[in-house]
Amino acid sequence: MTIAEQIYELVKSLPQDQASEILSFAESIRDQYLNANQPSNTVTSQQWTELVYSLAGSWEQDFPSLEDIRSNSGQDILREIL
């Protein structure tokens, strides 16, 4: 009896929710194997977060602050806040 047949016989005897859990587990194992053998061209959320934090504030000097913009237009920021 092959491993696939053994797994099939075992899963047949389980309730539907447990069999579904086994199927999800087997799919995740398959996906891990497929993803490990393929080069990844996508950026993960962790990599994206690291990129954003590394760039945060790097263009700060290129853009005027709200105070600079309003001071040139003659608006009084402190009076507007109150």
Protein backbone atom coordinates (compact mmCIF):
# COMPACT_ATOMS: atom_id res chain seq x y z
CA MET A 1 0.00 0.00 0.00
CA THR A 2 1.42 3.40 -1.00
CA ILE A 3 1.59 6.40 1.31
CA ALA A 4 -1.19 8.12 -0.63
CA GLU A 5 -3.42 5.07 -0.14
CA GLN A 6 -2.61 4.95 3.57
CA ILE A 7 -3.49 8.61 3.94
CA TYR A 8 -6.70 8.07 1.99
CA GLU A 9 -7.77 5.17 4.21
CA LEU A 10 -7.01 7.16 7.33
CA VAL A 11 -8.86 10.26 6.14
CA LYS A 12 -11.90 8.22 5.11
CA SER A 13 -12.40 7.22 8.74
CA LEU A 14 -12.28 10.81 10.06
CA PRO A 15 -15.17 13.24 10.51
CA GLN A 16 -15.57 15.84 7.75
CA ASP A 17 -14.04 18.74 9.72
CA GLN A 18 -10.93 16.73 10.62
CA ALA A 19 -10.55 15.48 7.05
CA SER A 20 -10.76 19.08 5.86
CA GLU A 21 -8.00 20.00 8.29
CA ILE A 22 -5.81 17.21 6.88
CA LEU A 23 -6.49 18.49 3.35
CA SER A 24 -5.51 22.04 4.35
CA PHE A 25 -2.32 20.75 5.93
CA ALA A 26 -1.40 18.72 2.84
CA GLU A 27 -2.03 21.74 0.60
CA SER A 28 0.17 23.95 2.78
CA ILE A 29 2.99 21.37 2.62
CA ARG A 30 2.63 21.23 -1.17
CA ASP A 31 2.64 25.03 -1.44
CA GLN A 32 5.76 25.30 0.73
CA TYR A 33 7.54 22.82 -1.53
CA LEU A 34 6.45 24.62 -4.70
CA ASN A 35 7.36 28.05 -3.34
CA ALA A 36 10.77 26.87 -2.14
CA ASN A 37 11.67 25.75 -5.67
CA GLN A 38 10.53 28.91 -7.46
CA PRO A 39 12.27 32.27 -7.36
CA SER A 40 10.16 34.87 -5.67
CA ASN A 41 9.71 38.17 -7.51
CA THR A 42 7.08 39.50 -5.13
CA VAL A 43 7.69 41.64 -2.10
CA THR A 44 6.38 40.31 1.19
CA SER A 45 4.57 42.56 3.64
CA GLN A 46 7.58 42.35 5.98
CA GLN A 47 9.92 43.53 3.20
CA TRP A 48 7.49 46.31 2.28
CA THR A 49 7.29 47.46 5.91
CA GLU A 50 11.08 47.52 6.19
CA LEU A 51 11.34 49.55 2.98
CA VAL A 52 8.77 52.10 4.13
CA TYR A 53 10.48 52.54 7.50
CA SER A 54 13.90 52.87 5.86
CA LEU A 55 12.60 55.65 3.59
CA ALA A 56 10.45 57.42 6.17
CA GLY A 57 11.58 61.01 6.52
CA SER A 58 14.21 60.75 3.80
CA TRP A 59 12.43 63.35 1.61
CA GLU A 60 11.50 65.60 4.51
CA GLN A 61 13.78 68.44 3.38
CA ASP A 62 12.43 68.36 -0.19
CA PHE A 63 8.91 69.31 0.88
CA PRO A 64 7.89 72.44 2.76
CA SER A 65 6.04 72.08 6.01
CA LEU A 66 2.46 73.26 6.44
CA GLU A 67 3.77 76.21 8.47
CA ASP A 68 6.08 77.26 5.60
CA ILE A 69 3.26 77.08 3.07
CA ARG A 70 0.85 79.08 5.20
CA SER A 71 3.43 81.67 6.26
CA ASN A 72 4.06 82.50 2.62
CA SER A 73 0.33 83.00 2.02
CA GLY A 74 -0.08 85.33 4.98
CA GLN A 75 -2.14 82.94 7.10
CA ASP A 76 -1.56 82.81 10.84
CA ILE A 77 -1.40 79.14 11.85
CA LEU A 78 -1.50 79.67 15.59
CA ARG A 79 -4.66 81.76 15.33
CA GLU A 80 -6.33 79.08 13.16
CA ILE A 81 -5.59 76.36 15.71
CA LEU A 82 -7.42 78.24 18.45
